């Protein structure tokens, strides 16, 4: 968990899944995409902050790619390792919103985040998906959902845990738990 916030006792919404292959990771990411699309349709001007946490090689970028494509993006989802941020214009339920995918792995100091001027992306309809949020410790806005990825013993195996960190995040995680997952 990043130092930006800790889960509140009243939230207690968690979803866990063990994925043995990339297809299962893709299915879970698309499942989250369906819940996000549903929520964005109900509150079109809303914004969600999602942290993607895990060791190098745990599957953060893979999960992000499938999530963004699950929301209808037809192009290539690039890793923002060198650009720090890749924006994706998306549409769901006739609502346009933006996904900002951040990868902060290369940052050496939290002040780099502030100097980069990315704070404005946290005010637009849509969501921010941040890999390596601990690199900007204490300078990021609060997260609504935390996604923890832990690599398994075999290639493409991983454990994925979604934790609600806000009431908005809780609504999405509860929605995920109630929807059947397509495999």
Protein backbone atom coordinates (compact mmCIF):
# COMPACT_ATOMS: atom_id res chain seq x y z
CA UNK A 1 0.00 0.00 0.00
CA UNK A 2 1.29 3.45 -0.78
CA UNK A 3 1.65 6.06 1.90
CA UNK A 4 -0.99 8.19 0.21
CA UNK A 5 -3.78 6.59 2.21
CA UNK A 6 -4.87 3.52 4.07
CA UNK A 7 -8.17 1.68 3.67
CA UNK A 8 -10.90 2.74 6.05
CA UNK A 9 -12.46 0.06 8.20
CA UNK A 10 -15.94 0.86 6.85
CA UNK A 11 -14.90 0.19 3.25
CA UNK A 12 -13.80 -3.47 3.45
CA UNK A 13 -14.39 -4.16 -0.22
CA UNK A 14 -11.77 -6.51 -1.65
CA UNK A 15 -11.69 -8.80 -4.65
CA UNK A 16 -8.94 -11.41 -5.14
CA UNK A 17 -8.18 -13.69 -8.06
CA UNK A 18 -5.31 -15.99 -8.94
CA UNK A 19 -4.55 -15.94 -12.67
CA UNK A 20 -2.63 -18.85 -14.16
CA UNK A 21 -2.25 -17.32 -17.61
CA UNK A 22 -2.47 -13.95 -19.35
CA UNK A 23 -5.98 -14.73 -20.64
CA UNK A 24 -7.26 -14.82 -17.05
CA UNK A 25 -5.49 -11.52 -16.29
CA UNK A 26 -7.11 -10.04 -19.40
CA UNK A 27 -10.51 -11.33 -18.30
CA UNK A 28 -10.20 -9.72 -14.86
CA UNK A 29 -9.01 -6.42 -16.38
CA UNK A 30 -11.99 -6.43 -18.76
CA UNK A 31 -14.23 -7.22 -15.80
CA UNK A 32 -12.92 -4.11 -14.05
CA UNK A 33 -13.40 -2.19 -17.31
CA UNK A 34 -17.09 -3.17 -17.38
CA UNK A 35 -17.55 -1.95 -13.80
CA UNK A 36 -15.71 1.30 -14.55
CA UNK A 37 -17.81 1.85 -17.68
CA UNK A 38 -20.99 1.22 -15.67
CA UNK A 39 -19.89 3.64 -12.97
CA UNK A 40 -18.77 6.29 -15.51
CA UNK A 41 -22.19 6.02 -17.16
CA UNK A 42 -23.86 6.79 -13.83
CA UNK A 43 -21.54 9.68 -12.96
CA UNK A 44 -20.08 10.99 -16.23
CA UNK A 45 -18.10 13.87 -14.72
CA UNK A 46 -16.45 11.67 -12.10
CA UNK A 47 -12.80 10.81 -11.74
CA UNK A 48 -11.21 7.65 -10.28
CA UNK A 49 -7.60 7.18 -9.16
CA UNK A 50 -6.22 3.63 -9.35
CA UNK A 51 -2.83 2.50 -8.09
CA UNK A 52 -1.14 -0.49 -9.73
CA UNK A 53 1.36 -1.97 -7.30
CA UNK A 54 3.71 -4.92 -7.51
CA UNK A 55 7.28 -5.92 -8.13
CA UNK A 56 8.99 -5.58 -11.49
CA UNK A 57 7.51 -8.18 -13.84
CA UNK A 58 4.32 -8.73 -11.80
CA UNK A 59 2.10 -7.75 -14.76
CA UNK A 60 1.13 -4.13 -14.05
CA UNK A 61 1.49 -2.93 -17.64
CA UNK A 62 -0.21 -6.06 -18.98
CA UNK A 63 -3.16 -5.44 -16.66
CA UNK A 64 -3.29 -1.75 -17.69
CA UNK A 65 -3.25 -2.67 -21.40
CA UNK A 66 -6.17 -5.08 -21.04
CA UNK A 67 -8.12 -2.62 -18.87
CA UNK A 68 -7.80 0.22 -21.39
CA UNK A 69 -8.59 -2.07 -24.33
CA UNK A 70 -11.52 -3.46 -22.33
CA UNK A 71 -12.93 0.06 -22.31
CA UNK A 72 -12.97 0.09 -26.11
CA UNK A 73 -9.59 1.52 -27.05
CA UNK A 74 -8.69 -0.14 -30.35
CA UNK A 75 -5.11 1.06 -30.75
CA UNK A 76 -1.88 -0.05 -29.19
CA UNK A 77 -1.58 0.63 -25.45
CA UNK A 78 2.02 1.72 -24.96
CA UNK A 79 4.02 1.46 -21.77
CA UNK A 80 4.57 4.99 -20.43
CA UNK A 81 7.96 4.08 -18.95
CA UNK A 82 9.77 6.84 -20.85
CA UNK A 83 6.95 9.34 -21.40
CA UNK A 84 5.64 8.93 -17.79
CA UNK A 85 2.06 9.36 -19.05
CA UNK A 86 0.02 8.07 -21.98
CA UNK A 87 -3.52 9.47 -22.39
CA UNK A 88 -6.32 7.46 -24.03
CA UNK A 89 -9.61 9.02 -25.12
CA UNK A 90 -12.42 6.57 -24.44
CA UNK A 91 -16.17 6.49 -24.86
CA UNK A 92 -18.72 4.52 -22.88
CA UNK A 93 -22.48 4.93 -22.75
CA UNK A 94 -22.12 7.93 -25.08
CA UNK A 95 -19.85 9.60 -22.51
CA UNK A 96 -16.32 10.64 -23.43
CA UNK A 97 -13.62 10.35 -20.79
CA UNK A 98 -9.87 9.98 -20.59
CA UNK A 99 -7.68 7.29 -19.11
CA UNK A 100 -4.26 8.59 -18.10
CA UNK A 101 -1.82 5.72 -17.69
CA UNK A 102 1.26 6.66 -15.65
CA UNK A 103 4.45 4.68 -15.06
CA UNK A 104 6.63 6.36 -12.45
CA UNK A 105 9.34 3.68 -12.32
CA UNK A 106 12.07 5.99 -13.64
CA UNK A 107 11.39 8.77 -11.14
CA UNK A 108 14.08 9.23 -8.51
CA UNK A 109 12.39 11.83 -6.33
CA UNK A 110 8.72 12.60 -5.50
CA UNK A 111 9.31 16.23 -6.49
CA UNK A 112 9.75 15.09 -10.10
CA UNK A 113 6.03 14.30 -10.10
CA UNK A 114 5.12 17.83 -9.05
CA UNK A 115 7.58 19.40 -11.50
CA UNK A 116 6.17 17.33 -14.40
CA UNK A 117 2.83 19.14 -14.06
CA UNK A 118 0.60 16.06 -14.25
CA UNK A 119 -1.72 17.15 -11.41
CA UNK A 120 -4.21 18.61 -13.93
CA UNK A 121 -4.97 15.10 -15.24
CA UNK A 122 -6.60 14.27 -11.92
CA UNK A 123 -9.44 16.75 -12.49
CA UNK A 124 -10.80 15.52 -15.83
CA UNK A 125 -13.61 12.97 -16.27
CA UNK A 126 -12.16 9.48 -16.40
CA UNK A 127 -9.44 7.83 -14.43
CA UNK A 128 -5.73 7.84 -13.69
CA UNK A 129 -3.96 4.51 -13.53
CA UNK A 130 -0.59 4.82 -11.78
CA UNK A 131 2.15 2.19 -11.86
CA UNK A 132 4.83 2.57 -9.18
CA UNK A 133 2.90 5.20 -7.14
CA UNK A 134 5.40 4.86 -4.30
CA UNK A 135 7.91 6.78 -6.46
CA UNK A 136 5.77 9.93 -5.95
CA UNK A 137 5.13 9.18 -2.27
CA UNK A 138 2.97 11.80 -0.60
CA UNK A 139 2.50 13.98 -3.71
CA UNK A 140 -0.31 12.08 -5.46
CA UNK A 141 -4.02 12.60 -4.84
CA UNK A 142 -5.77 9.90 -2.81
CA UNK A 143 -6.51 6.61 -4.54
CA UNK A 144 -9.98 5.09 -4.92
CA UNK A 145 -8.79 1.59 -5.82
CA UNK A 146 -5.54 -0.20 -5.15
CA UNK A 147 -4.57 -3.13 -7.39
CA UNK A 148 -1.87 -5.38 -5.98
CA UNK A 149 -0.18 -7.80 -8.37
CA UNK A 150 2.09 -10.57 -7.16
CA UNK A 151 3.97 -12.73 -9.65
CA UNK A 152 3.49 -16.47 -9.42
CA UNK A 153 6.08 -19.21 -9.86
CA UNK A 154 5.38 -19.72 -13.57
CA UNK A 155 5.45 -17.14 -16.36
CA UNK A 156 2.14 -15.21 -16.63
CA UNK A 157 0.92 -16.51 -13.24
CA UNK A 158 -0.09 -13.80 -10.81
CA UNK A 159 -2.30 -13.05 -7.87
CA UNK A 160 -4.39 -9.90 -8.29
CA UNK A 161 -6.12 -8.13 -5.42
CA UNK A 162 -8.41 -5.11 -5.80
CA UNK A 163 -8.97 -3.04 -2.64
CA UNK A 164 -11.42 -0.16 -2.26
CA UNK A 165 -9.81 2.90 -0.67
CA UNK A 166 -12.79 5.27 -0.99
CA UNK A 167 -16.56 5.10 -1.24
CA UNK A 168 -16.29 5.46 -5.04
CA UNK A 169 -13.81 2.61 -5.12
CA UNK A 170 -16.06 0.51 -2.91
CA UNK A 171 -18.96 0.87 -5.36
CA UNK A 172 -16.76 -0.37 -8.20
CA UNK A 173 -15.24 -3.29 -6.27
CA UNK A 174 -18.67 -4.37 -5.01
CA UNK A 175 -19.93 -4.21 -8.63
CA UNK A 176 -17.03 -6.45 -9.69
CA UNK A 177 -17.91 -8.98 -7.01
CA UNK A 178 -21.53 -9.07 -8.20
CA UNK A 179 -20.82 -9.46 -11.95
CA UNK A 180 -19.97 -12.88 -13.35
CA UNK A 181 -16.49 -13.01 -14.85
CA UNK A 182 -16.18 -14.11 -18.48
CA UNK A 183 -13.26 -16.47 -18.93
